[in-house]
Amino acid sequence: IRQGRGFIAADREGAEPVAIISETLARRLWPEGGAIGQRIRPAEQADRNVRSVWRTIVGVARDARQTHTDIDLNDIYLPFMQAPSRYAPLYFRTDRPASVWLETLRATVAEQDREVLVSGETTLDREAEKLLAAPRFLTAILTSFALFTALLAALGIYGVTAYAVQQRE
């Protein structure tokens, strides 16, 4: 958090709707500064659900890419308790294998709500591989075409040079 505050326990359903925005979005909307206390409404969904209400900006966060290929840094962060969804990915940094803490996590979550499912473990490396699989495949295909084209060009230059040498003889 660069300015203001982060989300707190009081930022839950029924409380004043709040949001944290990225530095890029804050500079874009309020170039002179002063984003804290301003109001914003996410425009992605125009219906009357919880995500489309006017929200007070309580913090400005450092710019962060949401994926490896993310170039849009205009982000709005909503507190999970004010805008719950059916899916919430959580990543933990640990020095132990995921299988060690996964059962403990499942038991802790089940104490809070028995209907919440904690799916299998994954790592950031595996998630990155999934995200980058398509761009890497495309890069490999284009590289092979480029190498084939370079080989054809070299053969063409060799052929023209050999022909010129033969004509001189």
Protein backbone atom coordinates (compact mmCIF):
# COMPACT_ATOMS: atom_id res chain seq x y z
CA ILE A 1 0.00 0.00 0.00
CA ARG A 2 1.53 3.31 -1.09
CA GLN A 3 -1.13 5.63 0.35
CA GLY A 4 -4.06 5.22 2.67
CA ARG A 5 -4.78 1.86 4.28
CA GLY A 6 -5.31 -1.75 3.36
CA PHE A 7 -8.51 -3.69 3.90
CA ILE A 8 -9.51 -4.28 7.51
CA ALA A 9 -11.91 -6.67 9.25
CA ALA A 10 -14.61 -3.98 9.29
CA ASP A 11 -14.67 -3.97 5.46
CA ARG A 12 -17.39 -6.60 5.17
CA GLU A 13 -20.92 -6.94 3.87
CA GLY A 14 -23.17 -4.18 5.20
CA ALA A 15 -20.30 -1.74 5.75
CA GLU A 16 -19.45 1.19 3.49
CA PRO A 17 -18.26 -0.17 0.11
CA VAL A 18 -14.52 0.48 -0.24
CA ALA A 19 -11.83 -0.18 -2.81
CA ILE A 20 -8.09 0.06 -3.26
CA ILE A 21 -6.78 1.17 -6.66
CA SER A 22 -3.41 0.87 -8.37
CA GLU A 23 -0.96 3.75 -8.68
CA THR A 24 -1.45 3.84 -12.46
CA LEU A 25 -5.22 4.18 -12.13
CA ALA A 26 -4.84 6.82 -9.42
CA ARG A 27 -2.51 8.89 -11.64
CA ARG A 28 -4.86 8.46 -14.61
CA LEU A 29 -8.04 9.51 -12.81
CA TRP A 30 -6.57 12.08 -10.39
CA PRO A 31 -3.32 13.42 -11.95
CA GLU A 32 -2.90 16.04 -9.22
CA GLY A 33 -3.10 13.34 -6.53
CA GLY A 34 -5.63 12.90 -3.81
CA ALA A 35 -7.30 9.62 -4.77
CA ILE A 36 -7.97 8.73 -1.13
CA GLY A 37 -11.59 9.53 -0.25
CA GLN A 38 -12.72 9.78 -3.88
CA ARG A 39 -15.52 7.54 -5.12
CA ILE A 40 -15.30 5.06 -7.98
CA ARG A 41 -17.62 2.56 -9.60
CA PRO A 42 -16.26 -0.44 -11.49
CA ALA A 43 -17.81 -0.30 -14.97
CA GLU A 44 -17.38 -3.97 -15.86
CA GLN A 45 -20.88 -4.88 -14.69
CA ALA A 46 -23.70 -2.40 -15.06
CA ASP A 47 -26.34 -4.48 -13.28
CA ARG A 48 -27.22 -3.86 -9.64
CA ASN A 49 -25.03 -6.45 -7.97
CA VAL A 50 -22.55 -5.82 -5.17
CA ARG A 51 -19.64 -5.17 -7.54
CA SER A 52 -21.27 -2.26 -9.36
CA VAL A 53 -21.93 0.05 -6.40
CA TRP A 54 -20.06 3.29 -5.81
CA ARG A 55 -17.03 2.66 -3.61
CA THR A 56 -14.85 4.97 -1.54
CA ILE A 57 -11.13 4.67 -2.26
CA VAL A 58 -9.30 3.92 0.98
CA GLY A 59 -5.88 3.04 -0.42
CA VAL A 60 -3.53 3.22 -3.38
CA ALA A 61 -1.51 0.07 -4.02
CA ARG A 62 1.71 -0.40 -5.92
CA ASP A 63 1.22 -1.51 -9.54
CA ALA A 64 1.18 -5.29 -9.96
CA ARG A 65 0.71 -7.54 -12.95
CA GLN A 66 -2.14 -9.99 -12.38
CA THR A 67 -0.70 -12.49 -14.87
CA HIS A 68 2.59 -12.89 -16.72
CA THR A 69 1.07 -11.29 -19.81
CA ASP A 70 -0.84 -8.48 -18.05
CA ILE A 71 -0.10 -5.07 -19.55
CA ASP A 72 -3.10 -3.20 -18.10
CA LEU A 73 -2.11 -1.86 -14.69
CA ASN A 74 -5.40 0.01 -14.07
CA ASP A 75 -6.58 -2.24 -11.25
CA ILE A 76 -9.34 -1.95 -8.66
CA TYR A 77 -9.16 -4.23 -5.63
CA LEU A 78 -12.33 -5.06 -3.69
CA PRO A 79 -12.48 -6.64 -0.22
CA PHE A 80 -13.47 -10.28 -0.52
CA MET A 81 -16.05 -9.98 2.25
CA GLN A 82 -17.88 -7.19 0.35
CA ALA A 83 -17.73 -8.87 -3.05
CA PRO A 84 -17.55 -12.62 -2.44
CA SER A 85 -17.27 -14.95 -5.38
CA ARG A 86 -17.54 -18.68 -5.76
CA TYR A 87 -13.86 -19.02 -6.56
CA ALA A 88 -10.95 -17.50 -4.68
CA PRO A 89 -7.42 -18.63 -5.50
CA LEU A 90 -5.04 -18.39 -2.57
CA TYR A 91 -1.30 -18.87 -2.81
CA PHE A 92 0.94 -19.52 0.18
CA ARG A 93 4.69 -19.21 0.42
CA THR A 94 6.10 -22.12 2.39
CA ASP A 95 9.34 -24.01 2.77
CA ARG A 96 7.49 -27.32 3.14
CA PRO A 97 5.66 -29.34 0.49
CA ALA A 98 2.02 -28.43 -0.08
CA SER A 99 0.83 -31.88 0.97
CA VAL A 100 2.03 -31.17 4.53
CA TRP A 101 -0.20 -28.14 5.10
CA LEU A 102 -3.09 -28.96 2.73
CA GLU A 103 -4.92 -31.20 5.24
CA THR A 104 -4.49 -28.60 7.98
CA LEU A 105 -5.88 -25.92 5.68
CA ARG A 106 -8.86 -28.11 4.76
CA ALA A 107 -9.62 -28.80 8.43
CA THR A 108 -9.38 -25.11 9.35
CA VAL A 109 -11.65 -24.06 6.49
CA ALA A 110 -14.16 -26.82 7.35
CA GLU A 111 -14.39 -25.44 10.89
CA GLN A 112 -15.52 -22.11 9.44
CA ASP A 113 -17.82 -23.41 6.69
CA ARG A 114 -18.35 -27.07 5.80
CA GLU A 115 -19.57 -26.21 2.27
CA VAL A 116 -16.31 -24.62 1.16
CA LEU A 117 -14.17 -26.80 -1.06
CA VAL A 118 -10.39 -26.58 -0.92
CA SER A 119 -9.18 -28.12 -4.16
CA GLY A 120 -5.85 -29.76 -4.82
CA GLU A 121 -2.55 -28.05 -4.54
CA THR A 122 -0.74 -26.27 -7.32
CA THR A 123 2.37 -24.14 -7.44
CA LEU A 124 3.01 -20.78 -9.02
CA ASP A 125 5.47 -22.48 -11.37
CA ARG A 126 2.71 -24.79 -12.65
CA GLU A 127 0.31 -21.86 -13.03
CA ALA A 128 2.98 -19.91 -14.93
CA GLU A 129 3.58 -22.89 -17.22
CA LYS A 130 -0.15 -23.08 -18.00
CA LEU A 131 -0.34 -19.35 -18.71
CA LEU A 132 2.75 -19.30 -20.89
CA ALA A 133 2.13 -22.56 -22.79
CA ALA A 134 0.32 -20.91 -25.71
CA PRO A 135 2.79 -18.01 -26.17
CA ARG A 136 5.73 -20.43 -25.96
CA PHE A 137 4.16 -22.72 -28.57
CA LEU A 138 3.56 -19.78 -30.89
CA THR A 139 7.12 -18.59 -30.37
CA ALA A 140 8.49 -22.06 -31.17
CA ILE A 141 6.43 -22.27 -34.38
CA LEU A 142 7.48 -18.79 -35.52
CA THR A 143 11.12 -19.53 -34.68
CA SER A 144 11.04 -22.72 -36.75
CA PHE A 145 9.54 -20.81 -39.69
CA ALA A 146 12.24 -18.15 -39.33
CA LEU A 147 15.00 -20.77 -39.29
CA PHE A 148 13.50 -22.48 -42.36
CA THR A 149 13.34 -19.12 -44.14
CA ALA A 150 16.97 -18.37 -43.23
CA LEU A 151 17.98 -21.80 -44.60
CA LEU A 152 16.13 -21.11 -47.86
CA ALA A 153 17.79 -17.70 -48.13
CA ALA A 154 21.24 -19.23 -47.56
CA LEU A 155 20.56 -21.89 -50.21
CA GLY A 156 19.36 -19.18 -52.60
CA ILE A 157 22.47 -17.06 -52.07
CA TYR A 158 24.66 -20.15 -52.51
CA GLY A 159 22.83 -21.02 -55.73
CA VAL A 160 23.18 -17.53 -57.19
CA THR A 161 26.85 -17.33 -56.19
CA ALA A 162 27.57 -20.79 -57.67
CA TYR A 163 25.82 -19.81 -60.88
CA ALA A 164 27.84 -16.57 -61.11
CA VAL A 165 31.10 -18.48 -60.55
CA GLN A 166 30.15 -21.04 -63.22
CA GLN A 167 29.37 -18.24 -65.70
CA ARG A 168 32.82 -16.67 -65.11
CA GLU A 169 34.58 -19.95 -65.83
